[in-house]
C-alpha atoms as a PDB file:
ATOM      1  CA  MET A   1      74.706 -11.089 -15.905  1.00  0.00           C
ATOM      2  CA  ARG A   2      71.354 -10.180 -16.707  1.00  0.00           C
ATOM      3  CA  LYS A   3      70.583  -6.780 -18.821  1.00  0.00           C
ATOM      4  CA  ASP A   4      67.698  -4.420 -18.159  1.00  0.00           C
ATOM      5  CA  GLY A   5      65.184  -4.388 -20.882  1.00  0.00           C
ATOM      6  CA  GLY A   6      66.922  -1.728 -23.014  1.00  0.00           C
ATOM      7  CA  GLU A   7      70.121  -3.235 -23.052  1.00  0.00           C
ATOM      8  CA  GLU A   8      68.698  -6.659 -24.164  1.00  0.00           C
ATOM      9  CA  GLU A   9      67.064  -4.715 -26.985  1.00  0.00           C
ATOM     10  CA  GLN A  10      70.085  -3.095 -28.176  1.00  0.00           C
ATOM     11  CA  ALA A  11      72.116  -6.385 -28.221  1.00  0.00           C
ATOM     12  CA  ALA A  12      69.148  -8.173 -30.155  1.00  0.00           C
ATOM     13  CA  LEU A  13      68.955  -5.215 -32.715  1.00  0.00           C
ATOM     14  CA  PRO A  14      72.275  -5.676 -34.493  1.00  0.00           C
ATOM     15  CA  LEU A  15      71.446  -9.642 -35.390  1.00  0.00           C
ATOM     16  CA  LEU A  16      68.360  -8.291 -37.211  1.00  0.00           C
ATOM     17  CA  GLY A  17      70.260  -5.964 -39.266  1.00  0.00           C
ATOM     18  CA  SER A  18      68.382  -2.966 -41.143  1.00  0.00           C
ATOM     19  CA  THR A  19      64.932  -4.556 -39.874  1.00  0.00           C
ATOM     20  CA  GLY A  20      66.275  -4.076 -36.237  1.00  0.00           C
ATOM     21  CA  TYR A  21      66.655  -0.547 -36.690  1.00  0.00           C
ATOM     22  CA  ALA A  22      63.023  -0.285 -38.141  1.00  0.00           C
ATOM     23  CA  VAL A  23      61.736  -1.847 -34.825  1.00  0.00           C
ATOM     24  CA  GLN A  24      63.532   0.277 -32.944  1.00  0.00           C
ATOM     25  CA  GLY A  25      62.335   3.603 -34.484  1.00  0.00           C
ATOM     26  CA  ARG A  26      58.716   2.307 -34.183  1.00  0.00           C
ATOM     27  CA  MET A  27      59.498   1.821 -30.525  1.00  0.00           C
ATOM     28  CA  GLN A  28      60.773   4.758 -29.831  1.00  0.00           C
ATOM     29  CA  THR A  29      57.701   6.406 -31.723  1.00  0.00           C
ATOM     30  CA  ALA A  30      55.226   4.515 -29.684  1.00  0.00           C
ATOM     31  CA  ARG A  31      56.799   5.306 -26.207  1.00  0.00           C
ATOM     32  CA  ALA A  32      56.939   9.267 -27.121  1.00  0.00           C
ATOM     33  CA  ALA A  33      53.273   9.013 -28.255  1.00  0.00           C
ATOM     34  CA  THR A  34      52.034   7.350 -24.876  1.00  0.00           C
ATOM     35  CA  THR A  35      54.276  10.177 -23.082  1.00  0.00           C
ATOM     36  CA  THR A  36      52.648  12.609 -24.868  1.00  0.00           C
ATOM     37  CA  LEU A  37      49.089  11.244 -24.277  1.00  0.00           C
ATOM     38  CA  THR A  38      49.730  10.838 -20.589  1.00  0.00           C
ATOM     39  CA  ARG A  39      50.874  14.242 -20.111  1.00  0.00           C
ATOM     40  CA  ALA A  40      48.092  15.532 -22.239  1.00  0.00           C
ATOM     41  CA  ALA A  41      45.472  13.610 -19.703  1.00  0.00           C
ATOM     42  CA  ALA A  42      47.197  15.151 -16.671  1.00  0.00           C
ATOM     43  CA  SER A  43      46.959  18.444 -18.395  1.00  0.00           C
ATOM     44  CA  ARG A  44      43.148  18.122 -19.205  1.00  0.00           C
ATOM     45  CA  SER A  45      42.187  17.021 -15.536  1.00  0.00           C
ATOM     46  CA  ALA A  46      44.215  19.819 -13.910  1.00  0.00           C
ATOM     47  CA  VAL A  47      42.655  22.553 -16.365  1.00  0.00           C
ATOM     48  CA  LEU A  48      38.892  20.671 -15.551  1.00  0.00           C
ATOM     49  CA  SER A  49      39.097  20.564 -11.860  1.00  0.00           C
ATOM     50  CA  ALA A  50      39.809  24.484 -11.744  1.00  0.00           C
ATOM     51  CA  LEU A  51      37.031  25.535 -13.357  1.00  0.00           C
ATOM     52  CA  PRO A  52      33.930  26.696 -11.459  1.00  0.00           C
ATOM     53  CA  SER A  53      31.198  24.197 -10.606  1.00  0.00           C
ATOM     54  CA  SER A  54      29.156  26.584 -12.619  1.00  0.00           C
ATOM     55  CA  SER A  55      31.203  25.660 -15.813  1.00  0.00           C
ATOM     56  CA  PRO A  56      29.543  23.502 -18.608  1.00  0.00           C
ATOM     57  CA  PHE A  57      32.813  21.819 -18.791  1.00  0.00           C
ATOM     58  CA  ALA A  58      33.688  21.508 -15.057  1.00  0.00           C
ATOM     59  CA  LEU A  59      33.591  17.416 -13.655  1.00  0.00           C
ATOM     60  CA  ALA A  60      30.349  16.252 -12.609  1.00  0.00           C
ATOM     61  CA  SER A  61      30.706  15.328  -8.487  1.00  0.00           C
ATOM     62  CA  PRO A  62      29.412  12.066  -8.006  1.00  0.00           C
ATOM     63  CA  HIS A  63      26.115  12.215  -6.528  1.00  0.00           C
ATOM     64  CA  ARG A  64      23.963   9.540  -4.433  1.00  0.00           C
ATOM     65  CA  SER A  65      20.665   9.101  -5.192  1.00  0.00           C
ATOM     66  CA  TYR A  66      17.471   8.010  -2.839  1.00  0.00           C
ATOM     67  CA  ALA A  67      17.739   4.391  -4.014  1.00  0.00           C
ATOM     68  CA  THR A  68      21.417   4.375  -3.139  1.00  0.00           C
ATOM     69  CA  LYS A  69      21.611   5.305   0.337  1.00  0.00           C
ATOM     70  CA  PRO A  70      22.346   2.888   2.975  1.00  0.00           C
ATOM     71  CA  ASN A  71      19.768   0.284   3.601  1.00  0.00           C
ATOM     72  CA  ASP A  72      20.212   1.162   7.682  1.00  0.00           C
ATOM     73  CA  ALA A  73      16.642   1.773   9.281  1.00  0.00           C
ATOM     74  CA  THR A  74      18.441   3.858  12.158  1.00  0.00           C
ATOM     75  CA  GLN A  75      20.288   6.205  10.024  1.00  0.00           C
ATOM     76  CA  GLU A  76      17.378   6.361   7.661  1.00  0.00           C
ATOM     77  CA  MET A  77      15.062   7.190  10.271  1.00  0.00           C
ATOM     78  CA  GLN A  78      17.858   9.868  11.855  1.00  0.00           C
ATOM     79  CA  GLU A  79      18.041  11.489   8.343  1.00  0.00           C
ATOM     80  CA  LYS A  80      14.267  12.090   7.977  1.00  0.00           C
ATOM     81  CA  GLN A  81      13.839  13.351  11.651  1.00  0.00           C
ATOM     82  CA  LEU A  82      16.789  15.813  10.776  1.00  0.00           C
ATOM     83  CA  ARG A  83      14.809  16.953   7.629  1.00  0.00           C
ATOM     84  CA  LEU A  84      11.830  17.577   9.567  1.00  0.00           C
ATOM     85  CA  SER A  85      13.463  19.622  12.507  1.00  0.00           C
ATOM     86  CA  GLU A  86      14.763  21.755   9.672  1.00  0.00           C
ATOM     87  CA  LYS A  87      11.287  22.123   7.973  1.00  0.00           C
ATOM     88  CA  MET A  88       9.834  22.992  10.787  1.00  0.00           C
ATOM     89  CA  GLY A  89      12.479  25.412  12.187  1.00  0.00           C
ATOM     90  CA  ARG A  90      13.049  23.545  15.421  1.00  0.00           C
ATOM     91  CA  MET A  91      16.909  23.036  15.911  1.00  0.00           C
ATOM     92  CA  LYS A  92      16.741  23.385  19.654  1.00  0.00           C
ATOM     93  CA  GLN A  93      17.628  19.641  20.354  1.00  0.00           C
ATOM     94  CA  GLY A  94      20.893  18.083  19.568  1.00  0.00           C
ATOM     95  CA  MET A  95      21.755  15.293  17.317  1.00  0.00           C
ATOM     96  CA  GLY A  96      21.160  12.808  19.770  1.00  0.00           C
ATOM     97  CA  SER A  97      17.794  13.420  20.697  1.00  0.00           C
ATOM     98  CA  LEU A  98      16.146  14.467  17.422  1.00  0.00           C
ATOM     99  CA  SER A  99      14.772  11.008  16.851  1.00  0.00           C
ATOM    100  CA  VAL A 100      13.514  11.078  20.269  1.00  0.00           C
ATOM    101  CA  ASN A 101      11.758  14.905  20.673  1.00  0.00           C
ATOM    102  CA  ILE A 102      10.380  15.921  17.579  1.00  0.00           C
ATOM    103  CA  ILE A 103       6.322  15.711  17.728  1.00  0.00           C
ATOM    104  CA  PHE A 104       4.589  17.530  14.940  1.00  0.00           C
ATOM    105  CA  ALA A 105       1.310  16.056  16.821  1.00  0.00           C
ATOM    106  CA  ASN A 106       1.796  18.135  19.873  1.00  0.00           C
ATOM    107  CA  HIS A 107      -2.145  19.532  20.239  1.00  0.00           C
ATOM    108  CA  ILE A 108      -3.024  17.869  23.388  1.00  0.00           C
ATOM    109  CA  ARG A 109      -6.360  19.519  25.022  1.00  0.00           C
ATOM    110  CA  PRO A 110      -6.814  19.102  28.663  1.00  0.00           C
ATOM    111  CA  ALA A 111      -8.891  16.216  29.322  1.00  0.00           C
ATOM    112  CA  GLU A 112     -10.886  17.918  32.154  1.00  0.00           C
ATOM    113  CA  GLY A 113     -11.108  21.142  29.581  1.00  0.00           C
ATOM    114  CA  ARG A 114      -9.314  24.036  29.768  1.00  0.00           C
ATOM    115  CA  VAL A 115      -9.151  26.827  32.955  1.00  0.00           C
ATOM    116  CA  LEU A 116      -8.810  30.112  31.853  1.00  0.00           C
ATOM    117  CA  PRO A 117      -7.333  33.159  33.885  1.00  0.00           C
ATOM    118  CA  ALA A 118     -10.141  35.328  35.608  1.00  0.00           C
ATOM    119  CA  ASP A 119      -9.479  38.252  33.134  1.00  0.00           C
ATOM    120  CA  ALA A 120      -9.619  36.158  30.067  1.00  0.00           C
ATOM    121  CA  THR A 121     -11.579  37.931  27.706  1.00  0.00           C
ATOM    122  CA  PHE A 122     -14.006  37.026  25.072  1.00  0.00           C
ATOM    123  CA  ALA A 123     -11.485  37.629  22.131  1.00  0.00           C
ATOM    124  CA  ASP A 124      -8.944  34.868  24.454  1.00  0.00           C
ATOM    125  CA  LYS A 125     -11.874  32.338  24.700  1.00  0.00           C
ATOM    126  CA  ARG A 126     -12.690  32.569  20.813  1.00  0.00           C
ATOM    127  CA  LYS A 127      -9.104  32.183  20.420  1.00  0.00           C
ATOM    128  CA  TYR A 128      -8.931  28.789  22.297  1.00  0.00           C
ATOM    129  CA  ALA A 129     -12.254  27.718  20.590  1.00  0.00           C
ATOM    130  CA  TRP A 130     -10.637  28.144  17.036  1.00  0.00           C
ATOM    131  CA  PHE A 131      -7.534  26.343  17.841  1.00  0.00           C
ATOM    132  CA  ASP A 132      -9.615  23.555  19.224  1.00  0.00           C
ATOM    133  CA  MET A 133     -11.731  23.446  16.144  1.00  0.00           C
ATOM    134  CA  GLN A 134      -8.680  23.461  13.820  1.00  0.00           C
ATOM    135  CA  ASN A 135      -7.015  20.591  15.607  1.00  0.00           C
ATOM    136  CA  TRP A 136     -10.393  18.773  15.106  1.00  0.00           C
ATOM    137  CA  GLY A 137     -10.738  19.452  11.468  1.00  0.00           C
ATOM    138  CA  TYR A 138      -6.976  18.785  10.955  1.00  0.00           C
ATOM    139  CA  SER A 139      -7.337  15.371  12.639  1.00  0.00           C
ATOM    140  CA  LEU A 140     -10.423  14.272  11.260  1.00  0.00           C
ATOM    141  CA  TRP A 141      -9.150  14.886   7.318  1.00  0.00           C
ATOM    142  CA  THR A 142      -5.538  13.168   8.584  1.00  0.00           C
ATOM    143  CA  ARG A 143      -7.390  10.049   9.411  1.00  0.00           C
ATOM    144  CA  TYR A 144      -9.373  10.229   6.471  1.00  0.00           C
ATOM    145  CA  GLY A 145      -6.621  10.214   4.357  1.00  0.00           C
ATOM    146  CA  TRP A 146      -5.204   7.174   6.138  1.00  0.00           C
ATOM    147  CA  ARG A 147      -8.349   5.426   5.805  1.00  0.00           C
ATOM    148  CA  LYS A 148      -8.225   5.718   2.129  1.00  0.00           C
ATOM    149  CA  LEU A 149      -4.253   4.501   2.491  1.00  0.00           C
ATOM    150  CA  LEU A 150      -4.433   1.891   5.153  1.00  0.00           C
ATOM    151  CA  GLY A 151      -7.910   0.266   4.402  1.00  0.00           C
ATOM    152  CA  ALA A 152     -11.408   0.699   5.901  1.00  0.00           C
ATOM    153  CA  ASN A 153     -10.289  -1.511   8.784  1.00  0.00           C
ATOM    154  CA  TRP A 154      -7.283   0.243  10.081  1.00  0.00           C
ATOM    155  CA  TYR A 155      -8.779   2.159  12.861  1.00  0.00           C
ATOM    156  CA  LYS A 156      -9.584  -1.316  14.674  1.00  0.00           C
ATOM    157  CA  GLN A 157      -6.085  -2.392  13.808  1.00  0.00           C
ATOM    158  CA  PHE A 158      -4.807   0.910  15.232  1.00  0.00           C
ATOM    159  CA  GLU A 159      -6.224   0.284  18.341  1.00  0.00           C
ATOM    160  CA  GLU A 160      -5.541  -3.485  18.878  1.00  0.00           C
ATOM    161  CA  ARG A 161      -2.101  -2.289  18.173  1.00  0.00           C
ATOM    162  CA  THR A 162      -1.505   0.898  20.361  1.00  0.00           C
ATOM    163  CA  LEU A 163      -3.434  -1.007  23.423  1.00  0.00           C
ATOM    164  CA  ALA A 164      -1.087  -3.625  22.907  1.00  0.00           C
ATOM    165  CA  ALA A 165       1.957  -1.311  23.387  1.00  0.00           C
ATOM    166  CA  TYR A 166       0.477   0.469  26.123  1.00  0.00           C
ATOM    167  CA  GLN A 167       0.482  -2.926  27.832  1.00  0.00           C
ATOM    168  CA  ALA A 168       3.899  -3.823  26.695  1.00  0.00           C
ATOM    169  CA  MET A 169       4.953  -0.655  28.263  1.00  0.00           C
ATOM    170  CA  ASN A 170       3.528  -1.240  31.835  1.00  0.00           C
ATOM    171  CA  GLN A 171       4.664  -4.822  31.975  1.00  0.00           C
ATOM    172  CA  ALA A 172       8.185  -3.861  30.884  1.00  0.00           C
ATOM    173  CA  LEU A 173       8.231  -1.299  33.709  1.00  0.00           C
ATOM    174  CA  ALA A 174       6.816  -3.939  36.500  1.00  0.00           C
ATOM    175  CA  VAL A 175       8.930  -7.074  35.215  1.00  0.00           C
ATOM    176  CA  GLY A 176      11.304  -5.614  32.901  1.00  0.00           C
ATOM    177  CA  ASN A 177      10.098  -7.751  30.097  1.00  0.00           C
ATOM    178  CA  TYR A 178      11.920  -5.409  27.013  1.00  0.00           C
ATOM    179  CA  ASP A 179      12.037  -8.068  24.441  1.00  0.00           C
ATOM    180  CA  ARG A 180       8.370  -7.807  24.043  1.00  0.00           C
ATOM    181  CA  LEU A 181       8.286  -4.088  24.233  1.00  0.00           C
ATOM    182  CA  ARG A 182      10.865  -3.489  21.423  1.00  0.00           C
ATOM    183  CA  GLN A 183       8.193  -4.889  18.722  1.00  0.00           C
ATOM    184  CA  TYR A 184       6.173  -1.814  20.040  1.00  0.00           C
ATOM    185  CA  ALA A 185       8.133   1.109  21.207  1.00  0.00           C
ATOM    186  CA  ALA A 186      10.967   2.727  19.669  1.00  0.00           C
ATOM    187  CA  THR A 187      14.445   2.340  21.385  1.00  0.00           C
ATOM    188  CA  PRO A 188      14.394   5.686  23.338  1.00  0.00           C
ATOM    189  CA  VAL A 189      11.336   4.885  25.125  1.00  0.00           C
ATOM    190  CA  VAL A 190      12.561   1.457  25.713  1.00  0.00           C
ATOM    191  CA  ASP A 191      15.934   2.943  27.392  1.00  0.00           C
ATOM    192  CA  ALA A 192      13.860   5.701  29.297  1.00  0.00           C
ATOM    193  CA  ILE A 193      11.652   2.584  30.949  1.00  0.00           C
ATOM    194  CA  LYS A 194      14.925   0.445  31.417  1.00  0.00           C
ATOM    195  CA  ALA A 195      16.472   3.567  33.357  1.00  0.00           C
ATOM    196  CA  GLN A 196      13.392   4.359  35.308  1.00  0.00           C
ATOM    197  CA  ARG A 197      13.105   0.721  36.229  1.00  0.00           C
ATOM    198  CA  THR A 198      16.833   0.556  37.089  1.00  0.00           C
ATOM    199  CA  ARG A 199      16.947   3.919  39.304  1.00  0.00           C
ATOM    200  CA  LYS A 200      13.545   3.546  41.618  1.00  0.00           C
ATOM    201  CA  LEU A 201      12.762   0.002  41.810  1.00  0.00           C
ATOM    202  CA  GLN A 202      15.905  -2.145  42.471  1.00  0.00           C
ATOM    203  CA  GLY A 203      15.351  -4.756  45.077  1.00  0.00           C
ATOM    204  CA  LEU A 204      11.487  -4.533  44.735  1.00  0.00           C
ATOM    205  CA  ARG A 205       9.223  -6.841  42.965  1.00  0.00           C
ATOM    206  CA  LEU A 206       6.156  -5.324  40.948  1.00  0.00           C
ATOM    207  CA  SER A 207       2.924  -6.468  39.331  1.00  0.00           C
ATOM    208  CA  TRP A 208       0.949  -4.642  37.061  1.00  0.00           C
ATOM    209  CA  LYS A 209      -2.610  -5.411  35.994  1.00  0.00           C
ATOM    210  CA  LEU A 210      -5.279  -3.796  33.792  1.00  0.00           C
ATOM    211  CA  HIS A 211      -8.945  -3.923  34.917  1.00  0.00           C
ATOM    212  CA  ARG A 212     -10.456  -2.280  32.202  1.00  0.00           C
ATOM    213  CA  VAL A 213     -10.215   0.585  29.412  1.00  0.00           C
ATOM    214  CA  VAL A 214     -12.409   3.438  30.032  1.00  0.00           C
ATOM    215  CA  GLU A 215     -11.535   5.175  26.837  1.00  0.00           C
ATOM    216  CA  GLN A 216      -8.846   5.166  24.044  1.00  0.00           C
ATOM    217  CA  GLU A 217      -9.265   7.832  21.992  1.00  0.00           C
ATOM    218  CA  ILE A 218      -7.069   9.682  19.293  1.00  0.00           C
ATOM    219  CA  VAL A 219      -6.638  13.116  19.948  1.00  0.00           C
ATOM    220  CA  CYS A 220      -4.487  14.548  17.831  1.00  0.00           C
ATOM    221  CA  ALA A 221      -3.503  13.057  14.313  1.00  0.00           C
ATOM    222  CA  ARG A 222      -0.937  14.742  11.970  1.00  0.00           C
ATOM    223  CA  GLN A 223       1.211  13.683   9.041  1.00  0.00           C
ATOM    224  CA  GLN A 224       4.571  15.611   7.619  1.00  0.00           C
ATOM    225  CA  GLU A 225       6.312  15.001   4.246  1.00  0.00           C
ATOM    226  CA  ILE A 226       9.720  14.367   5.421  1.00  0.00           C
ATOM    227  CA  PHE A 227      12.523  12.953   3.110  1.00  0.00           C
ATOM    228  CA  LYS A 228      10.937  13.037  -0.789  1.00  0.00           C
ATOM    229  CA  LYS A 229       7.582  14.135  -2.468  1.00  0.00           C
ATOM    230  CA  ASP A 230       4.369  11.904  -1.142  1.00  0.00           C
ATOM    231  CA  GLU A 231       6.426  10.072   1.564  1.00  0.00           C
ATOM    232  CA  TYR A 232       4.549  11.275   4.602  1.00  0.00           C
ATOM    233  CA  VAL A 233       5.312  10.090   8.381  1.00  0.00           C
ATOM    234  CA  GLY A 234       1.909   9.986  10.418  1.00  0.00           C
ATOM    235  CA  GLN A 235       1.933  10.573  13.948  1.00  0.00           C
ATOM    236  CA  ALA A 236      -1.394  10.092  16.241  1.00  0.00           C
ATOM    237  CA  VAL A 237      -1.657  11.228  20.297  1.00  0.00           C
ATOM    238  CA  VAL A 238      -3.943   8.437  22.318  1.00  0.00           C
ATOM    239  CA  ARG A 239      -5.581   9.340  25.170  1.00  0.00           C
ATOM    240  CA  PHE A 240      -6.141   6.011  27.449  1.00  0.00           C
ATOM    241  CA  VAL A 241      -8.137   6.279  30.192  1.00  0.00           C
ATOM    242  CA  THR A 242      -7.868   3.036  32.146  1.00  0.00           C
ATOM    243  CA  GLU A 243      -8.602   1.337  35.656  1.00  0.00           C
ATOM    244  CA  GLN A 244      -5.568  -0.423  36.548  1.00  0.00           C
ATOM    245  CA  SER A 245      -3.351  -1.600  39.712  1.00  0.00           C
ATOM    246  CA  LEU A 246       0.133  -1.843  40.631  1.00  0.00           C
ATOM    247  CA  GLU A 247       1.544  -3.978  43.691  1.00  0.00           C
ATOM    248  CA  VAL A 248       4.567  -3.253  44.879  1.00  0.00           C
ATOM    249  CA  ARG A 249       6.586  -5.646  47.284  1.00  0.00           C
ATOM    250  CA  ASP A 250       9.601  -6.063  48.793  1.00  0.00           C
ATOM    251  CA  PRO A 251      12.408  -8.863  48.966  1.00  0.00           C
ATOM    252  CA  GLN A 252      10.154 -10.447  51.719  1.00  0.00           C
ATOM    253  CA  GLY A 253       7.079 -10.566  49.928  1.00  0.00           C
ATOM    254  CA  ARG A 254       5.523  -7.972  52.180  1.00  0.00           C
ATOM    255  CA  ARG A 255       3.669  -5.205  49.968  1.00  0.00           C
ATOM    256  CA  VAL A 256       5.228  -1.629  49.810  1.00  0.00           C
ATOM    257  CA  GLY A 257       2.578   1.094  49.714  1.00  0.00           C
ATOM    258  CA  THR A 258      -1.264   1.272  48.997  1.00  0.00           C
ATOM    259  CA  GLY A 259      -1.666  -0.322  45.789  1.00  0.00           C
ATOM    260  CA  SER A 260      -3.606  -3.277  45.549  1.00  0.00           C
ATOM    261  CA  HIS A 261      -5.267  -5.333  42.729  1.00  0.00           C
ATOM    262  CA  ASP A 262      -8.419  -5.372  44.750  1.00  0.00           C
ATOM    263  CA  ARG A 263      -8.677  -1.266  44.422  1.00  0.00           C
ATOM    264  CA  PRO A 264      -7.776  -0.576  40.626  1.00  0.00           C
ATOM    265  CA  GLU A 265      -7.623   3.397  40.254  1.00  0.00           C
ATOM    266  CA  THR A 266      -8.335   5.225  37.064  1.00  0.00           C
ATOM    267  CA  VAL A 267      -5.300   6.580  35.181  1.00  0.00           C
ATOM    268  CA  THR A 268      -5.237   9.026  32.234  1.00  0.00           C
ATOM    269  CA  GLU A 269      -2.148   9.233  29.953  1.00  0.00           C
ATOM    270  CA  TYR A 270      -1.358  10.243  26.835  1.00  0.00           C
ATOM    271  CA  CYS A 271       1.112   8.079  24.262  1.00  0.00           C
ATOM    272  CA  ILE A 272       2.306   9.414  20.687  1.00  0.00           C
ATOM    273  CA  PHE A 273       2.712   6.971  18.062  1.00  0.00           C
ATOM    274  CA  GLN A 274       4.391   6.893  14.961  1.00  0.00           C
ATOM    275  CA  ARG A 275       4.887   5.299  11.417  1.00  0.00           C
ATOM    276  CA  ASP A 276       5.801   5.559   7.742  1.00  0.00           C
ATOM    277  CA  MET A 277       2.527   5.776   5.973  1.00  0.00           C
ATOM    278  CA  TRP A 278       4.326   4.957   2.520  1.00  0.00           C
ATOM    279  CA  ARG A 279       5.508   1.599   4.080  1.00  0.00           C
ATOM    280  CA  PRO A 280       2.808  -1.038   3.576  1.00  0.00           C
ATOM    281  CA  ASP A 281       4.979  -3.393   6.065  1.00  0.00           C
ATOM    282  CA  ASP A 282       5.468  -0.589   8.542  1.00  0.00           C
ATOM    283  CA  ASN A 283       3.604  -0.413  11.795  1.00  0.00           C
ATOM    284  CA  TRP A 284       2.940   2.011  14.551  1.00  0.00           C
ATOM    285  CA  MET A 285       5.746   2.306  17.261  1.00  0.00           C
ATOM    286  CA  CYS A 286       5.348   4.174  20.513  1.00  0.00           C
ATOM    287  CA  ILE A 287       7.861   7.279  20.491  1.00  0.00           C
ATOM    288  CA  LYS A 288       6.623   9.145  23.515  1.00  0.00           C
ATOM    289  CA  ARG A 289       5.107   7.910  26.738  1.00  0.00           C
ATOM    290  CA  GLN A 290       3.441  10.016  29.475  1.00  0.00           C
ATOM    291  CA  ALA A 291       3.304  12.785  27.035  1.00  0.00           C
ATOM    292  CA  ARG A 292       1.813  16.136  29.002  1.00  0.00           C
ATOM    293  CA  GLU A 293      -1.374  18.239  28.107  1.00  0.00           C
ATOM    294  CA  THR A 294      -0.244  21.363  26.013  1.00  0.00           C
ATOM    295  CA  ASP A 295      -1.134  24.946  25.304  1.00  0.00           C
ATOM    296  CA  THR A 296      -0.394  25.760  22.260  1.00  0.00           C
ATOM    297  CA  LEU A 297      -1.642  29.351  22.544  1.00  0.00           C
ATOM    298  CA  ALA A 298       0.826  30.093  25.163  1.00  0.00           C
ATOM    299  CA  ASN A 299       3.432  28.651  23.326  1.00  0.00           C
ATOM    300  CA  PRO A 300       3.333  27.275  19.674  1.00  0.00           C
ATOM    301  CA  ALA A 301       6.438  25.410  19.664  1.00  0.00           C
ATOM    302  CA  ASP A 302       5.303  23.315  22.793  1.00  0.00           C
ATOM    303  CA  GLN A 303       6.644  20.026  22.816  1.00  0.00           C
ATOM    304  CA  PRO A 304       4.091  17.405  24.584  1.00  0.00           C
END
């Protein structure tokens, strides 16, 4: 029958004579030293863990730097948007809508001019004029910074990109071409267009056509430092004034409504575009379509 390790050692030691007793003594001494060291280490860990975090002897907690964060674009965007929301004090939205509703380029002056109340004083008119002048100055300065950062031809590329995005959004609403739209619009925008098409346009065939671009202008440009120093996110509100037409036909091919490609209509619409300014490979994405004109004097925290 096989004996355990201790009995085997005891059986072998008599064969070694006095040498065996010496080896046995050394082995017992080594075991005692190992036990003592193990107990000392456990005691030290317990003592250090009980110290306050401010103590210089406290164990350092693991820290994740910016460089070690998960390489997940969606999670990174949510973290940046959450940080921006905290900086601006706008925690009205839930976590699910943070990436959708946080708009800091929110000064959209009515295209037809402001209609002031009949009892508006000269001081009220001066305030409106001052806010509009501030928006013009902020937007001009922001665009100047983008020109230095992105190059002298940045605005031409911006116009081409935003117009392509505008066309892709309308085409997606008409024919459901979502694959192309995802190149130009954020996921919430794509989902909203998909829901609008599914809810209102079942059984109908649509045909959208852009006849002419009357105006394509940035009405508000802003940038915010979000995650760390010198890393900015830029937003630009673009006013599109276009001549376009939309034909709607039923499954039998009969036209529904008054829309016709022979009679284009003038449409004014605001879209908000965003990009990470510190990333050279990033591009402008639409984060809000059909934004509404706002009055920042009536409600400074108003969202387009």
